[in-house]
């Protein structure tokens, strides 16, 4: 009985790995023409090859936005496939989370200004962790992008830090619409639909799952506290560097 269970689990894992590799291959094949569509579309919208009338420009802009969204989904699927097959190497270094939080604010400056959202980062020293800069920044950027998406015009997003045992904890708090309690437990599952907002384009349901996987690869934790109408706090805990690092 035990042997049959072990063999079944092994077969399931093998099937999952093969499916992940298949998705990775398909993703690469799709990404190449998508980049071409996006690139040529941008040339047209910028009128570098001829003047457009207002309606043409409107439709081409929508086409470019859709290509960008589809490219984002493809990239997330590629990340998901790599995570499933343990193909994401981490380039570890000492990181200052407060600096990274300020950096992603600069990257999201236009989106924040468009909705007149105030973004603040607590000035705190000693919030040092050991991690992959690109991957941790990707996680923080995903959290901020969600916070902006679900916060109304004129709202706020605030980043703060604290030390808990051997971890540095970052809290990203918004005063947006909040998430129903029954949805919170599903947020970090693959293809979860807990963060779809009425009237807006559906998300892939992979962003927070990828974020959780990346944080867990760093031996850390990620969680959410939220209340409808009062906002959401997304938190990540990452290990502090060892003394010999």
Protein backbone atom coordinates (compact mmCIF):
# COMPACT_ATOMS: atom_id res chain seq x y z
CA UNK A 1 0.00 0.00 0.00
CA UNK A 2 2.77 2.41 1.02
CA UNK A 3 4.80 1.45 -2.06
CA UNK A 4 1.85 2.12 -4.37
CA UNK A 5 1.36 5.55 -2.81
CA UNK A 6 5.04 6.42 -3.26
CA UNK A 7 5.00 5.28 -6.89
CA UNK A 8 1.83 7.28 -7.55
CA UNK A 9 3.35 10.42 -6.01
CA UNK A 10 6.50 9.93 -8.08
CA UNK A 11 4.46 9.53 -11.28
CA UNK A 12 2.42 12.65 -10.49
CA UNK A 13 5.57 14.67 -9.88
CA UNK A 14 7.05 13.43 -13.15
CA UNK A 15 3.89 14.47 -15.01
CA UNK A 16 4.00 17.91 -13.36
CA UNK A 17 7.63 18.42 -14.38
CA UNK A 18 6.91 17.37 -17.97
CA UNK A 19 3.94 19.75 -18.08
CA UNK A 20 6.10 22.57 -16.67
CA UNK A 21 8.76 21.95 -19.33
CA UNK A 22 6.06 21.91 -22.02
CA UNK A 23 4.70 25.26 -20.79
CA UNK A 24 8.21 26.73 -20.72
CA UNK A 25 8.81 25.68 -24.32
CA UNK A 26 5.46 27.02 -25.51
CA UNK A 27 6.00 30.22 -23.55
CA UNK A 28 9.30 30.89 -25.28
CA UNK A 29 7.72 30.25 -28.67
CA UNK A 30 4.90 32.72 -27.92
CA UNK A 31 7.11 35.41 -26.40
CA UNK A 32 9.22 35.94 -29.53
CA UNK A 33 6.37 37.00 -31.88
CA UNK A 34 4.71 38.93 -29.03
CA UNK A 35 7.83 41.05 -28.59
CA UNK A 36 7.80 41.75 -32.32
CA UNK A 37 4.10 42.75 -32.27
CA UNK A 38 4.71 45.01 -29.28
CA UNK A 39 7.83 46.59 -30.80
CA UNK A 40 6.30 47.36 -34.19
CA UNK A 41 3.09 48.52 -32.53
CA UNK A 42 5.06 51.05 -30.47
CA UNK A 43 6.71 52.37 -33.63
CA UNK A 44 3.28 52.91 -35.18
CA UNK A 45 1.78 54.57 -32.09
CA UNK A 46 4.76 56.92 -31.86
CA UNK A 47 4.10 57.81 -35.53
CA UNK A 48 7.66 57.07 -36.52
CA UNK A 49 6.52 55.61 -39.84
CA UNK A 50 3.66 57.97 -40.62
CA UNK A 51 0.93 60.10 -39.10
CA UNK A 52 -2.16 58.43 -37.62
CA UNK A 53 -5.66 59.76 -37.29
CA UNK A 54 -7.09 59.81 -33.73
CA UNK A 55 -9.15 56.63 -34.18
CA UNK A 56 -6.19 54.68 -35.59
CA UNK A 57 -4.02 55.82 -32.70
CA UNK A 58 -6.70 54.84 -30.18
CA UNK A 59 -7.04 51.33 -31.59
CA UNK A 60 -3.29 50.80 -31.91
CA UNK A 61 -2.79 51.91 -28.31
CA UNK A 62 -5.37 49.36 -27.16
CA UNK A 63 -3.62 46.70 -29.25
CA UNK A 64 -0.28 47.56 -27.64
CA UNK A 65 -1.78 47.45 -24.15
CA UNK A 66 -3.23 44.00 -24.87
CA UNK A 67 0.11 42.78 -26.23
CA UNK A 68 1.84 44.05 -23.08
CA UNK A 69 -0.69 42.29 -20.83
CA UNK A 70 -0.33 39.06 -22.79
CA UNK A 71 3.47 39.31 -22.59
CA UNK A 72 3.21 39.73 -18.82
CA UNK A 73 1.08 36.58 -18.58
CA UNK A 74 3.54 34.63 -20.74
CA UNK A 75 6.44 35.77 -18.56
CA UNK A 76 4.54 34.72 -15.45
CA UNK A 77 3.84 31.30 -16.97
CA UNK A 78 7.55 30.93 -17.75
CA UNK A 79 8.40 31.81 -14.15
CA UNK A 80 5.78 29.34 -12.93
CA UNK A 81 7.23 26.59 -15.13
CA UNK A 82 10.76 27.30 -13.87
CA UNK A 83 9.61 27.26 -10.27
CA UNK A 84 7.78 23.97 -10.77
CA UNK A 85 10.90 22.35 -12.24
CA UNK A 86 13.29 24.00 -9.75
CA UNK A 87 15.10 25.87 -12.52
CA UNK A 88 15.35 29.30 -10.89
CA UNK A 89 18.86 29.92 -9.54
CA UNK A 90 19.20 32.64 -6.90
CA UNK A 91 21.98 35.21 -7.07
CA UNK A 92 22.32 35.95 -3.38
CA UNK A 93 23.64 39.24 -2.00
CA UNK A 94 23.11 41.58 0.94
CA UNK A 95 20.06 43.80 0.33
CA UNK A 96 18.60 46.88 2.01
CA UNK A 97 14.81 46.46 1.83
CA UNK A 98 14.17 50.17 2.42
CA UNK A 99 16.28 51.06 -0.62
CA UNK A 100 14.42 48.48 -2.70
CA UNK A 101 11.07 49.86 -1.52
CA UNK A 102 12.09 53.35 -2.62
CA UNK A 103 13.34 51.98 -5.93
CA UNK A 104 10.05 50.32 -6.82
CA UNK A 105 8.25 53.55 -5.91
CA UNK A 106 10.33 55.31 -8.57
CA UNK A 107 9.51 52.57 -11.08
CA UNK A 108 5.78 52.97 -10.34
CA UNK A 109 5.89 56.78 -10.27
CA UNK A 110 3.65 57.29 -13.30
CA UNK A 111 0.99 54.85 -12.06
CA UNK A 112 1.03 56.46 -8.61
CA UNK A 113 0.71 59.96 -10.07
CA UNK A 114 -2.07 58.90 -12.41
CA UNK A 115 -4.24 57.90 -9.44
CA UNK A 116 -2.80 60.57 -7.11
CA UNK A 117 -1.78 57.87 -4.63
CA UNK A 118 0.67 58.85 -1.91
CA UNK A 119 3.51 56.35 -1.52
CA UNK A 120 5.70 56.51 1.58
CA UNK A 121 8.60 54.36 2.77
CA UNK A 122 9.59 54.34 6.43
CA UNK A 123 13.13 55.67 6.84
CA UNK A 124 14.71 52.89 8.86
CA UNK A 125 18.25 51.56 9.00
CA UNK A 126 19.24 47.96 9.55
CA UNK A 127 16.55 46.37 7.38
CA UNK A 128 19.16 44.18 5.74
CA UNK A 129 18.44 40.74 4.30
CA UNK A 130 20.27 38.17 2.18
CA UNK A 131 18.53 37.52 -1.13
CA UNK A 132 18.34 37.71 -4.90
CA UNK A 133 17.95 41.40 -5.73
CA UNK A 134 16.03 40.91 -8.98
CA UNK A 135 13.62 38.34 -7.54
CA UNK A 136 12.91 40.24 -4.33
CA UNK A 137 12.36 43.45 -6.28
CA UNK A 138 9.96 41.57 -8.57
CA UNK A 139 7.95 40.43 -5.54
CA UNK A 140 7.83 43.93 -4.05
CA UNK A 141 6.87 45.41 -7.42
CA UNK A 142 4.03 42.91 -7.76
CA UNK A 143 2.74 43.83 -4.30
CA UNK A 144 2.88 47.56 -5.07
CA UNK A 145 1.20 47.07 -8.44
CA UNK A 146 -1.68 45.24 -6.72
CA UNK A 147 -1.92 47.93 -4.04
CA UNK A 148 -2.17 50.67 -6.67
CA UNK A 149 -4.72 48.69 -8.67
CA UNK A 150 -7.04 48.22 -5.69
CA UNK A 151 -6.64 51.67 -4.13
CA UNK A 152 -8.95 54.47 -5.25
CA UNK A 153 -7.73 57.82 -6.53
CA UNK A 154 -6.24 59.94 -3.76
CA UNK A 155 -5.45 56.94 -1.57
CA UNK A 156 -2.21 55.92 0.07
CA UNK A 157 0.30 53.08 0.24
CA UNK A 158 2.80 52.95 3.12
CA UNK A 159 5.78 50.64 3.61
CA UNK A 160 7.12 49.92 7.10
CA UNK A 161 9.58 47.47 8.63
CA UNK A 162 10.15 45.55 11.83
CA UNK A 163 12.46 42.87 13.20
CA UNK A 164 11.00 39.57 14.42
CA UNK A 165 13.43 36.99 15.71
CA UNK A 166 15.78 36.16 12.81
CA UNK A 167 13.62 37.91 10.21
CA UNK A 168 13.17 41.38 8.77
CA UNK A 169 9.48 41.94 8.07
CA UNK A 170 8.21 44.41 5.46
CA UNK A 171 4.57 45.52 5.61
CA UNK A 172 2.95 47.22 2.60
CA UNK A 173 -0.35 48.80 3.70
CA UNK A 174 -2.93 50.43 1.46
CA UNK A 175 -6.31 51.98 2.20
CA UNK A 176 -8.01 50.41 -0.79
CA UNK A 177 -11.12 48.29 -1.21
CA UNK A 178 -9.86 45.31 0.80
CA UNK A 179 -10.19 41.58 0.17
CA UNK A 180 -12.99 39.30 1.43
CA UNK A 181 -11.81 36.97 4.20
CA UNK A 182 -12.86 33.88 2.24
CA UNK A 183 -10.57 34.93 -0.61
CA UNK A 184 -7.43 35.56 1.44
CA UNK A 185 -6.59 31.88 1.87
CA UNK A 186 -6.67 31.46 -1.92
CA UNK A 187 -4.49 34.44 -2.83
CA UNK A 188 -1.19 32.61 -2.99
CA UNK A 189 -2.43 29.58 -4.91
CA UNK A 190 -1.67 29.21 -8.65
CA UNK A 191 -4.36 30.64 -10.93
CA UNK A 192 -6.23 32.09 -7.94
CA UNK A 193 -8.82 34.72 -8.84
CA UNK A 194 -8.99 36.50 -5.51
CA UNK A 195 -7.67 39.80 -6.84
CA UNK A 196 -9.95 40.47 -9.78
CA UNK A 197 -11.57 43.89 -9.60
CA UNK A 198 -14.94 44.52 -11.26
CA UNK A 199 -14.59 46.58 -14.42
CA UNK A 200 -10.89 45.86 -14.86
CA UNK A 201 -9.01 43.30 -16.93
CA UNK A 202 -8.66 39.92 -15.24
CA UNK A 203 -5.24 39.00 -13.90
CA UNK A 204 -3.49 35.70 -14.61
CA UNK A 205 -3.74 34.52 -11.01
CA UNK A 206 -0.02 33.71 -11.00
CA UNK A 207 1.60 36.87 -9.60
CA UNK A 208 1.10 36.19 -5.89
CA UNK A 209 1.79 32.48 -6.27
CA UNK A 210 5.12 33.31 -7.92
CA UNK A 211 5.79 35.83 -5.14
CA UNK A 212 5.11 33.20 -2.48
CA UNK A 213 7.35 30.68 -4.25
CA UNK A 214 10.20 33.19 -4.52
CA UNK A 215 9.93 34.16 -0.84
CA UNK A 216 9.84 30.52 0.22
CA UNK A 217 12.96 29.84 -1.87
CA UNK A 218 14.59 32.46 0.35
CA UNK A 219 13.38 30.55 3.47
CA UNK A 220 10.94 33.39 4.17
CA UNK A 221 7.20 33.90 4.53
CA UNK A 222 4.49 36.01 2.90
CA UNK A 223 0.97 36.68 4.19
CA UNK A 224 -1.98 39.03 3.96
CA UNK A 225 -4.31 40.82 6.36
CA UNK A 226 -7.27 42.69 4.94
CA UNK A 227 -10.65 44.16 5.75
CA UNK A 228 -13.31 45.17 3.25
CA UNK A 229 -13.50 48.93 2.90
CA UNK A 230 -10.43 49.55 5.06
CA UNK A 231 -7.55 48.23 2.99
CA UNK A 232 -4.94 45.50 2.85
CA UNK A 233 -1.58 44.79 4.44
CA UNK A 234 0.76 42.49 2.51
CA UNK A 235 3.74 41.31 4.55
CA UNK A 236 6.95 39.49 3.69
CA UNK A 237 9.50 38.14 6.18
CA UNK A 238 13.05 37.43 5.02
CA UNK A 239 15.94 36.02 7.05
CA UNK A 240 18.56 38.44 8.30
CA UNK A 241 22.09 37.78 7.00
CA UNK A 242 24.26 35.46 9.02
CA UNK A 243 27.17 37.13 10.78
CA UNK A 244 29.71 35.59 8.45
CA UNK A 245 28.02 36.96 5.29
